[in-house]
Amino acid sequence: MLNPKNLESIAQQLHNVLPQGLKNVGNDLEEKFKQILQAQLAKLDVVTREEFDVQSQVLLRTREKLNELEKRLDALNEQKSTSQN
């Protein structure tokens, strides 16, 4: 899930722009903002930072392996070319 501190920050910013009369409602309103934000963000097709970082590392290793395989293929093609001549 998304970082709760970010959600709290957004909820607090929304709370801060309310007129003074509504600010007195305070904690209940802030909690409702958090609940609404969490519900709406949960509907989005996003991944956590941790999941993103893991997939980035997988992609990096895959690229490294691909580069190694390309080099090996080039070397084999070079050997084939020289042996045919």
N, C-alpha and C. Protein backbone atom coordinates (compact mmCIF):
# COMPACT_ATOMS: atom_id res chain seq x y z
N MET A 1 0.85 -1.18 0.00
CA MET A 1 0.00 0.00 0.00
C MET A 1 0.89 1.23 0.00
N LEU A 2 0.30 2.36 -0.22
CA LEU A 2 1.04 3.60 -0.29
C LEU A 2 1.47 4.07 1.10
N ASN A 3 2.44 4.92 1.15
CA ASN A 3 3.01 5.41 2.39
C ASN A 3 1.97 6.15 3.22
N PRO A 4 1.67 5.65 4.42
CA PRO A 4 0.67 6.31 5.27
C PRO A 4 1.03 7.74 5.64
N LYS A 5 2.34 8.03 5.73
CA LYS A 5 2.75 9.39 6.07
C LYS A 5 2.34 10.37 4.97
N ASN A 6 2.43 9.94 3.71
CA ASN A 6 2.01 10.80 2.61
C ASN A 6 0.51 11.05 2.67
N LEU A 7 -0.25 10.00 2.99
CA LEU A 7 -1.70 10.16 3.11
C LEU A 7 -2.04 11.12 4.25
N GLU A 8 -1.33 10.97 5.37
CA GLU A 8 -1.57 11.86 6.50
C GLU A 8 -1.25 13.31 6.12
N SER A 9 -0.20 13.49 5.38
CA SER A 9 0.20 14.84 4.95
C SER A 9 -0.87 15.47 4.06
N ILE A 10 -1.37 14.70 3.11
CA ILE A 10 -2.42 15.21 2.21
C ILE A 10 -3.68 15.53 3.01
N ALA A 11 -4.05 14.61 3.90
CA ALA A 11 -5.25 14.84 4.73
C ALA A 11 -5.07 16.09 5.59
N GLN A 12 -3.87 16.29 6.13
CA GLN A 12 -3.60 17.47 6.96
C GLN A 12 -3.69 18.74 6.13
N GLN A 13 -3.17 18.71 4.91
CA GLN A 13 -3.25 19.88 4.04
C GLN A 13 -4.70 20.23 3.74
N LEU A 14 -5.50 19.22 3.45
CA LEU A 14 -6.92 19.47 3.20
C LEU A 14 -7.58 20.03 4.45
N HIS A 15 -7.23 19.49 5.58
CA HIS A 15 -7.80 19.96 6.85
C HIS A 15 -7.42 21.42 7.11
N ASN A 16 -6.18 21.78 6.78
CA ASN A 16 -5.69 23.14 7.05
C ASN A 16 -6.39 24.21 6.22
N VAL A 17 -6.91 23.87 5.05
CA VAL A 17 -7.55 24.88 4.22
C VAL A 17 -9.04 25.05 4.54
N LEU A 18 -9.53 24.29 5.48
CA LEU A 18 -10.95 24.41 5.86
C LEU A 18 -11.19 25.67 6.68
N PRO A 19 -12.38 26.24 6.59
CA PRO A 19 -12.73 27.37 7.46
C PRO A 19 -12.67 26.95 8.93
N GLN A 20 -12.47 27.95 9.84
CA GLN A 20 -12.28 27.65 11.26
C GLN A 20 -13.44 26.84 11.84
N GLY A 21 -14.65 27.13 11.43
CA GLY A 21 -15.80 26.40 11.96
C GLY A 21 -15.72 24.91 11.66
N LEU A 22 -15.26 24.59 10.47
CA LEU A 22 -15.12 23.18 10.12
C LEU A 22 -13.89 22.54 10.76
N LYS A 23 -12.88 23.34 11.05
CA LYS A 23 -11.69 22.79 11.69
C LYS A 23 -12.02 22.23 13.07
N ASN A 24 -13.05 22.81 13.70
CA ASN A 24 -13.44 22.33 15.02
C ASN A 24 -13.92 20.89 14.97
N VAL A 25 -14.40 20.46 13.83
CA VAL A 25 -14.81 19.07 13.68
C VAL A 25 -13.57 18.18 13.76
N GLY A 26 -12.45 18.71 13.31
CA GLY A 26 -11.12 18.19 13.51
C GLY A 26 -10.85 16.75 13.18
N ASN A 27 -10.59 15.97 14.21
CA ASN A 27 -10.09 14.62 14.03
C ASN A 27 -11.02 13.74 13.21
N ASP A 28 -12.32 13.87 13.41
CA ASP A 28 -13.26 13.05 12.64
C ASP A 28 -13.15 13.35 11.16
N LEU A 29 -13.08 14.62 10.83
CA LEU A 29 -12.98 15.01 9.43
C LEU A 29 -11.65 14.56 8.83
N GLU A 30 -10.56 14.72 9.58
CA GLU A 30 -9.26 14.30 9.09
C GLU A 30 -9.24 12.78 8.87
N GLU A 31 -9.84 12.05 9.78
CA GLU A 31 -9.90 10.59 9.63
C GLU A 31 -10.71 10.21 8.39
N LYS A 32 -11.81 10.92 8.16
CA LYS A 32 -12.63 10.65 6.97
C LYS A 32 -11.83 10.95 5.70
N PHE A 33 -11.07 12.05 5.70
CA PHE A 33 -10.22 12.37 4.55
C PHE A 33 -9.25 11.22 4.28
N LYS A 34 -8.63 10.71 5.34
CA LYS A 34 -7.69 9.60 5.19
C LYS A 34 -8.38 8.38 4.59
N GLN A 35 -9.56 8.07 5.11
CA GLN A 35 -10.29 6.90 4.63
C GLN A 35 -10.66 7.05 3.15
N ILE A 36 -11.12 8.24 2.79
CA ILE A 36 -11.50 8.49 1.39
C ILE A 36 -10.28 8.41 0.49
N LEU A 37 -9.18 9.03 0.90
CA LEU A 37 -7.95 8.99 0.10
C LEU A 37 -7.44 7.57 -0.05
N GLN A 38 -7.44 6.80 1.03
CA GLN A 38 -6.97 5.42 0.96
C GLN A 38 -7.86 4.60 0.03
N ALA A 39 -9.16 4.80 0.11
CA ALA A 39 -10.08 4.05 -0.74
C ALA A 39 -9.87 4.40 -2.21
N GLN A 40 -9.70 5.67 -2.51
CA GLN A 40 -9.51 6.09 -3.90
C GLN A 40 -8.15 5.64 -4.43
N LEU A 41 -7.12 5.74 -3.62
CA LEU A 41 -5.79 5.32 -4.06
C LEU A 41 -5.72 3.81 -4.22
N ALA A 42 -6.47 3.09 -3.43
CA ALA A 42 -6.49 1.62 -3.55
C ALA A 42 -7.08 1.20 -4.90
N LYS A 43 -7.92 2.02 -5.47
CA LYS A 43 -8.53 1.71 -6.76
C LYS A 43 -7.55 1.89 -7.93
N LEU A 44 -6.50 2.69 -7.70
CA LEU A 44 -5.52 2.94 -8.75
C LEU A 44 -4.66 1.70 -8.97
N ASP A 45 -4.19 1.55 -10.18
CA ASP A 45 -3.34 0.42 -10.53
C ASP A 45 -1.89 0.84 -10.32
N VAL A 46 -1.44 0.83 -9.07
CA VAL A 46 -0.09 1.25 -8.74
C VAL A 46 0.60 0.15 -7.93
N VAL A 47 1.92 0.23 -7.88
CA VAL A 47 2.70 -0.70 -7.08
C VAL A 47 3.42 0.08 -5.99
N THR A 48 3.85 -0.64 -4.97
CA THR A 48 4.60 0.02 -3.91
C THR A 48 6.01 0.31 -4.39
N ARG A 49 6.68 1.16 -3.68
CA ARG A 49 8.07 1.50 -4.01
C ARG A 49 8.94 0.25 -3.92
N GLU A 50 8.67 -0.57 -2.91
CA GLU A 50 9.44 -1.80 -2.74
C GLU A 50 9.27 -2.73 -3.94
N GLU A 51 8.03 -2.89 -4.41
CA GLU A 51 7.78 -3.73 -5.58
C GLU A 51 8.48 -3.16 -6.81
N PHE A 52 8.43 -1.85 -6.96
CA PHE A 52 9.09 -1.19 -8.08
C PHE A 52 10.60 -1.43 -8.05
N ASP A 53 11.19 -1.27 -6.86
CA ASP A 53 12.64 -1.48 -6.73
C ASP A 53 13.03 -2.92 -7.03
N VAL A 54 12.23 -3.87 -6.57
CA VAL A 54 12.52 -5.28 -6.84
C VAL A 54 12.47 -5.54 -8.34
N GLN A 55 11.45 -5.05 -9.00
CA GLN A 55 11.33 -5.26 -10.44
C GLN A 55 12.43 -4.54 -11.22
N SER A 56 12.87 -3.40 -10.73
CA SER A 56 13.99 -2.69 -11.37
C SER A 56 15.26 -3.53 -11.30
N GLN A 57 15.49 -4.17 -10.16
CA GLN A 57 16.67 -5.03 -10.01
C GLN A 57 16.57 -6.26 -10.92
N VAL A 58 15.38 -6.84 -11.02
CA VAL A 58 15.18 -7.98 -11.92
C VAL A 58 15.47 -7.56 -13.36
N LEU A 59 14.97 -6.40 -13.75
CA LEU A 59 15.21 -5.90 -15.10
C LEU A 59 16.69 -5.66 -15.36
N LEU A 60 17.38 -5.10 -14.38
CA LEU A 60 18.82 -4.85 -14.52
C LEU A 60 19.58 -6.16 -14.72
N ARG A 61 19.28 -7.18 -13.91
CA ARG A 61 19.94 -8.48 -14.07
C ARG A 61 19.61 -9.10 -15.42
N THR A 62 18.38 -8.95 -15.87
CA THR A 62 17.98 -9.49 -17.17
C THR A 62 18.75 -8.81 -18.30
N ARG A 63 18.91 -7.50 -18.21
CA ARG A 63 19.68 -6.77 -19.22
C ARG A 63 21.13 -7.23 -19.25
N GLU A 64 21.71 -7.43 -18.06
CA GLU A 64 23.09 -7.90 -17.99
C GLU A 64 23.23 -9.27 -18.65
N LYS A 65 22.30 -10.16 -18.37
CA LYS A 65 22.34 -11.49 -18.99
C LYS A 65 22.16 -11.41 -20.50
N LEU A 66 21.28 -10.53 -20.95
CA LEU A 66 21.07 -10.35 -22.38
C LEU A 66 22.34 -9.85 -23.05
N ASN A 67 23.00 -8.90 -22.43
CA ASN A 67 24.26 -8.39 -22.98
C ASN A 67 25.31 -9.50 -23.08
N GLU A 68 25.40 -10.33 -22.04
CA GLU A 68 26.34 -11.45 -22.07
C GLU A 68 26.00 -12.41 -23.20
N LEU A 69 24.73 -12.74 -23.36
CA LEU A 69 24.32 -13.65 -24.43
C LEU A 69 24.58 -13.07 -25.81
N GLU A 70 24.37 -11.76 -25.97
CA GLU A 70 24.66 -11.12 -27.25
C GLU A 70 26.15 -11.20 -27.57
N LYS A 71 26.99 -11.00 -26.58
CA LYS A 71 28.43 -11.09 -26.79
C LYS A 71 28.83 -12.51 -27.18
N ARG A 72 28.25 -13.50 -26.50
CA ARG A 72 28.55 -14.90 -26.83
C ARG A 72 28.09 -15.23 -28.24
N LEU A 73 26.91 -14.73 -28.61
CA LEU A 73 26.39 -14.99 -29.96
C LEU A 73 27.28 -14.34 -31.01
N ASP A 74 27.72 -13.12 -30.75
CA ASP A 74 28.63 -12.45 -31.68
C ASP A 74 29.93 -13.23 -31.82
N ALA A 75 30.44 -13.75 -30.70
CA ALA A 75 31.68 -14.52 -30.76
C ALA A 75 31.47 -15.81 -31.56
N LEU A 76 30.36 -16.48 -31.34
CA LEU A 76 30.07 -17.70 -32.11
C LEU A 76 29.91 -17.41 -33.59
N ASN A 77 29.24 -16.33 -33.92
CA ASN A 77 29.09 -15.94 -35.33
C ASN A 77 30.44 -15.60 -35.94
N GLU A 78 31.30 -14.97 -35.16
CA GLU A 78 32.65 -14.64 -35.65
C GLU A 78 33.44 -15.92 -35.91
N GLN A 79 33.34 -16.89 -34.99
CA GLN A 79 34.03 -18.17 -35.18
C GLN A 79 33.51 -18.88 -36.42
N LYS A 80 32.22 -18.85 -36.60
CA LYS A 80 31.60 -19.52 -37.77
C LYS A 80 32.09 -18.87 -39.06
N SER A 81 32.16 -17.54 -39.05
CA SER A 81 32.60 -16.81 -40.25
C SER A 81 34.04 -17.14 -40.60
N THR A 82 34.89 -17.19 -39.61
CA THR A 82 36.31 -17.45 -39.86
C THR A 82 36.55 -18.90 -40.26
N SER A 83 35.74 -19.81 -39.72
CA SER A 83 35.94 -21.22 -40.06
C SER A 83 35.42 -21.54 -41.46
N GLN A 84 34.49 -20.77 -41.98
CA GLN A 84 33.93 -21.01 -43.31
C GLN A 84 34.86 -20.46 -44.39
N ASN A 85 35.73 -19.58 -44.04
CA ASN A 85 36.63 -18.97 -45.04
C ASN A 85 37.86 -19.74 -45.21
